[in-house]
Amino acid sequence: MDRSRSQPSRRRILKGAALAAVPYALLPATRAGARPLSTDYPPAEWQPASSSNCTTSSRPTSYSLDRVIIHVTQETYANTLAIFQNPQKKVSAHYVVRSADGHVAQCVREADVAWHAGNWDYNTHSIGIEHEGWVDKPAYFTDALYERSAKLTAAICDKYGIPKDRAHIIGHAEVPGTDHTDPGPNWDWVRYIKLVNFA
């Protein structure tokens, strides 16, 4: 075996180093107005909803934030993300929490208005959190889901000065004009509010 052929040449190494040293500014720029892929809540994964399913805003400057709305997806985690990414669905939430392990995906920037409550006033003044599961299947409301969701809600409340109580952390069913029943009778509000306050 010819060892000279299996080792990269000095010239090839220097050429690779030179390419690696190209200033970032010379690389193609992102499109104007594009937002970075980081999340507002660092433990979350960025899984953006279609821009057709939310409204760009500059909250809390444009609208004050005074509540968190708790939802249950009535779908799987993966299907919920796919629905939010489908521009024809006209629905989104800021976050989705997975049942099995409490993994959090952010789908809409907190500064923007997600279309989750079915009431424009509530949409503009709230953060929406979807939870994987069905209202009539309490097994989906795992310890991990409650705990990770409570940490997320606590962080949102702390950031925007939202009181950590049932007047400001509400269910989708409590939004005026809604026909939804989530999070439903199996959602343990007492436990959840305690977890939010101790997060």
Protein backbone atom coordinates (compact mmCIF):
# COMPACT_ATOMS: atom_id res chain seq x y z
CA MET A 1 0.00 0.00 0.00
CA ASP A 2 1.37 3.41 -0.96
CA ARG A 3 1.39 5.47 2.28
CA SER A 4 1.87 8.74 0.38
CA ARG A 5 -1.57 8.32 -1.17
CA SER A 6 -3.39 7.51 2.09
CA GLN A 7 -2.17 10.69 3.88
CA PRO A 8 -3.49 14.11 2.80
CA SER A 9 -0.82 16.35 1.30
CA ARG A 10 0.41 19.49 3.06
CA ARG A 11 -1.05 21.53 0.21
CA ARG A 12 -4.50 19.94 0.69
CA ILE A 13 -4.39 20.61 4.46
CA LEU A 14 -3.44 24.28 3.92
CA LYS A 15 -6.14 24.67 1.26
CA GLY A 16 -8.76 23.27 3.65
CA ALA A 17 -7.58 25.57 6.45
CA ALA A 18 -7.80 28.58 4.15
CA LEU A 19 -11.36 27.71 3.20
CA ALA A 20 -12.28 27.25 6.84
CA ALA A 21 -10.88 30.70 7.60
CA VAL A 22 -13.16 32.52 5.14
CA PRO A 23 -14.84 35.26 7.13
CA TYR A 24 -18.47 34.60 8.03
CA ALA A 25 -19.39 37.94 6.47
CA LEU A 26 -18.46 36.62 3.02
CA LEU A 27 -20.93 33.75 3.25
CA PRO A 28 -24.42 34.26 1.79
CA ALA A 29 -26.50 36.42 4.11
CA THR A 30 -29.78 35.21 5.56
CA ARG A 31 -32.81 36.87 4.06
CA ALA A 32 -33.72 40.27 5.46
CA GLY A 33 -35.88 40.08 8.55
CA ALA A 34 -35.15 36.40 9.15
CA ARG A 35 -35.01 35.50 12.81
CA PRO A 36 -32.35 33.27 14.32
CA LEU A 37 -33.12 29.65 15.07
CA SER A 38 -32.68 30.06 18.83
CA THR A 39 -35.69 29.86 21.12
CA ASP A 40 -37.14 32.24 23.71
CA TYR A 41 -37.03 29.39 26.23
CA PRO A 42 -33.55 27.82 26.08
CA PRO A 43 -34.56 24.18 26.84
CA ALA A 44 -36.99 24.23 23.88
CA GLU A 45 -36.31 23.00 20.36
CA TRP A 46 -37.22 25.40 17.52
CA GLN A 47 -39.92 23.87 15.30
CA PRO A 48 -41.42 26.89 13.52
CA ALA A 49 -45.06 27.07 12.57
CA SER A 50 -45.89 28.34 9.11
CA SER A 51 -45.79 32.14 8.97
CA SER A 52 -49.33 31.84 7.54
CA ASN A 53 -50.53 30.52 10.93
CA CYS A 54 -49.52 33.41 13.20
CA THR A 55 -49.18 37.19 13.23
CA THR A 56 -45.83 38.96 13.42
CA SER A 57 -45.77 41.39 16.32
CA SER A 58 -43.49 42.98 18.91
CA ARG A 59 -45.09 41.90 22.16
CA PRO A 60 -45.03 42.97 24.95
CA THR A 61 -44.58 46.41 23.33
CA SER A 62 -47.46 46.02 20.87
CA TYR A 63 -49.68 44.04 23.29
CA SER A 64 -49.16 43.39 26.99
CA LEU A 65 -48.84 39.74 28.01
CA ASP A 66 -51.05 38.86 30.95
CA ARG A 67 -51.93 35.17 30.73
CA VAL A 68 -50.84 31.68 29.73
CA ILE A 69 -53.40 29.43 28.06
CA ILE A 70 -53.14 25.67 28.55
CA HIS A 71 -54.26 23.43 25.69
CA VAL A 72 -54.41 19.70 24.97
CA THR A 73 -53.65 18.81 21.35
CA GLN A 74 -56.17 16.04 20.67
CA GLU A 75 -53.34 14.81 18.43
CA THR A 76 -49.90 13.30 18.71
CA TYR A 77 -46.90 15.56 19.24
CA ALA A 78 -45.60 14.93 15.69
CA ASN A 79 -49.01 15.53 14.09
CA THR A 80 -49.43 18.76 16.06
CA LEU A 81 -46.13 20.10 14.73
CA ALA A 82 -47.16 19.09 11.19
CA ILE A 83 -50.50 20.88 11.58
CA PHE A 84 -48.77 24.07 12.74
CA GLN A 85 -46.39 23.86 9.76
CA ASN A 86 -49.28 23.47 7.27
CA PRO A 87 -50.20 26.97 6.00
CA GLN A 88 -53.75 25.88 5.23
CA LYS A 89 -54.56 24.98 8.86
CA LYS A 90 -54.55 28.58 10.22
CA VAL A 91 -53.65 27.47 13.75
CA SER A 92 -50.57 27.51 15.97
CA ALA A 93 -49.37 27.79 19.56
CA HIS A 94 -46.16 29.16 20.99
CA TYR A 95 -45.11 25.83 22.52
CA VAL A 96 -45.90 22.10 22.35
CA VAL A 97 -45.00 19.72 25.20
CA ARG A 98 -44.51 16.02 24.43
CA SER A 99 -46.20 13.50 26.73
CA ALA A 100 -43.54 10.78 27.04
CA ASP A 101 -40.64 12.92 28.24
CA GLY A 102 -41.85 16.51 28.54
CA HIS A 103 -39.75 17.65 25.58
CA VAL A 104 -40.69 21.22 24.60
CA ALA A 105 -40.87 22.59 21.05
CA GLN A 106 -41.28 26.28 20.36
CA CYS A 107 -43.34 26.97 17.24
CA VAL A 108 -44.05 30.71 17.43
CA ARG A 109 -41.91 33.49 18.91
CA GLU A 110 -43.28 34.89 22.15
CA ALA A 111 -43.17 38.35 20.56
CA ASP A 112 -45.56 37.14 17.85
CA VAL A 113 -49.25 36.29 18.11
CA ALA A 114 -50.03 32.58 17.84
CA TRP A 115 -53.51 31.60 16.69
CA HIS A 116 -54.46 29.28 19.52
CA ALA A 117 -57.31 30.68 21.60
CA GLY A 118 -60.05 31.30 19.03
CA ASN A 119 -60.41 34.83 20.45
CA TRP A 120 -58.26 37.63 19.00
CA ASP A 121 -58.04 39.60 22.27
CA TYR A 122 -56.89 36.51 24.17
CA ASN A 123 -54.47 35.57 21.37
CA THR A 124 -52.81 38.99 21.46
CA HIS A 125 -52.34 39.01 25.24
CA SER A 126 -51.32 35.40 25.91
CA ILE A 127 -48.78 32.65 25.40
CA GLY A 128 -50.34 29.35 24.26
CA ILE A 129 -48.94 26.00 25.38
CA GLU A 130 -50.20 22.80 23.76
CA HIS A 131 -49.78 19.44 25.53
CA GLU A 132 -49.72 16.18 23.63
CA GLY A 133 -52.72 14.04 24.45
CA TRP A 134 -56.47 13.76 24.57
CA VAL A 135 -58.80 15.23 27.19
CA ASP A 136 -60.35 11.81 27.86
CA LYS A 137 -57.02 9.92 28.11
CA PRO A 138 -55.35 11.02 31.37
CA ALA A 139 -52.42 8.65 30.85
CA TYR A 140 -51.01 11.27 28.47
CA PHE A 141 -50.63 13.70 31.40
CA THR A 142 -47.36 12.22 32.60
CA ASP A 143 -45.15 13.47 35.44
CA ALA A 144 -42.62 14.63 32.85
CA LEU A 145 -45.28 16.57 30.91
CA TYR A 146 -46.56 18.34 34.05
CA GLU A 147 -43.08 19.10 35.37
CA ARG A 148 -41.55 20.42 32.15
CA SER A 149 -44.67 22.38 31.25
CA ALA A 150 -44.76 23.94 34.73
CA LYS A 151 -41.12 25.04 34.37
CA LEU A 152 -41.96 26.61 31.00
CA THR A 153 -45.02 28.39 32.39
CA ALA A 154 -43.06 29.62 35.42
CA ALA A 155 -40.35 31.03 33.13
CA ILE A 156 -42.97 32.84 31.01
CA CYS A 157 -44.70 34.24 34.11
CA ASP A 158 -41.38 35.42 35.55
CA LYS A 159 -40.34 37.06 32.26
CA TYR A 160 -43.56 39.02 31.78
CA GLY A 161 -44.68 39.55 35.39
CA ILE A 162 -47.73 37.30 35.02
CA PRO A 163 -49.14 36.12 38.38
CA LYS A 164 -48.80 32.35 38.86
CA ASP A 165 -52.46 31.72 39.67
CA ARG A 166 -55.62 30.34 38.07
CA ALA A 167 -56.82 33.78 37.07
CA HIS A 168 -53.80 34.16 34.79
CA ILE A 169 -52.99 30.54 33.88
CA ILE A 170 -56.18 29.32 32.27
CA GLY A 171 -57.51 26.49 30.15
CA HIS A 172 -58.61 26.87 26.55
CA ALA A 173 -62.15 26.05 27.67
CA GLU A 174 -62.13 29.26 29.76
CA VAL A 175 -61.56 31.56 26.79
CA PRO A 176 -64.74 33.53 26.00
CA GLY A 177 -66.44 32.35 22.82
CA THR A 178 -64.51 29.10 22.49
CA ASP A 179 -66.12 25.76 21.68
CA HIS A 180 -63.13 23.80 23.04
CA THR A 181 -63.14 21.76 26.25
CA ASP A 182 -59.40 21.35 26.79
CA PRO A 183 -57.50 20.74 28.91
CA GLY A 184 -60.54 18.88 30.24
CA PRO A 185 -61.57 17.40 33.60
CA ASN A 186 -58.53 15.09 33.84
CA TRP A 187 -56.05 17.97 33.92
CA ASP A 188 -54.86 18.37 37.53
CA TRP A 189 -54.97 22.13 38.03
CA VAL A 190 -54.06 22.02 41.74
CA ARG A 191 -50.93 20.00 41.01
CA TYR A 192 -50.03 22.12 38.00
CA ILE A 193 -50.28 25.48 39.77
CA LYS A 194 -48.23 24.12 42.68
CA LEU A 195 -45.55 22.94 40.24
CA VAL A 196 -45.52 26.34 38.51
CA ASN A 197 -45.08 28.12 41.84
CA PHE A 198 -42.27 25.81 42.98
CA ALA A 199 -40.45 25.69 39.63
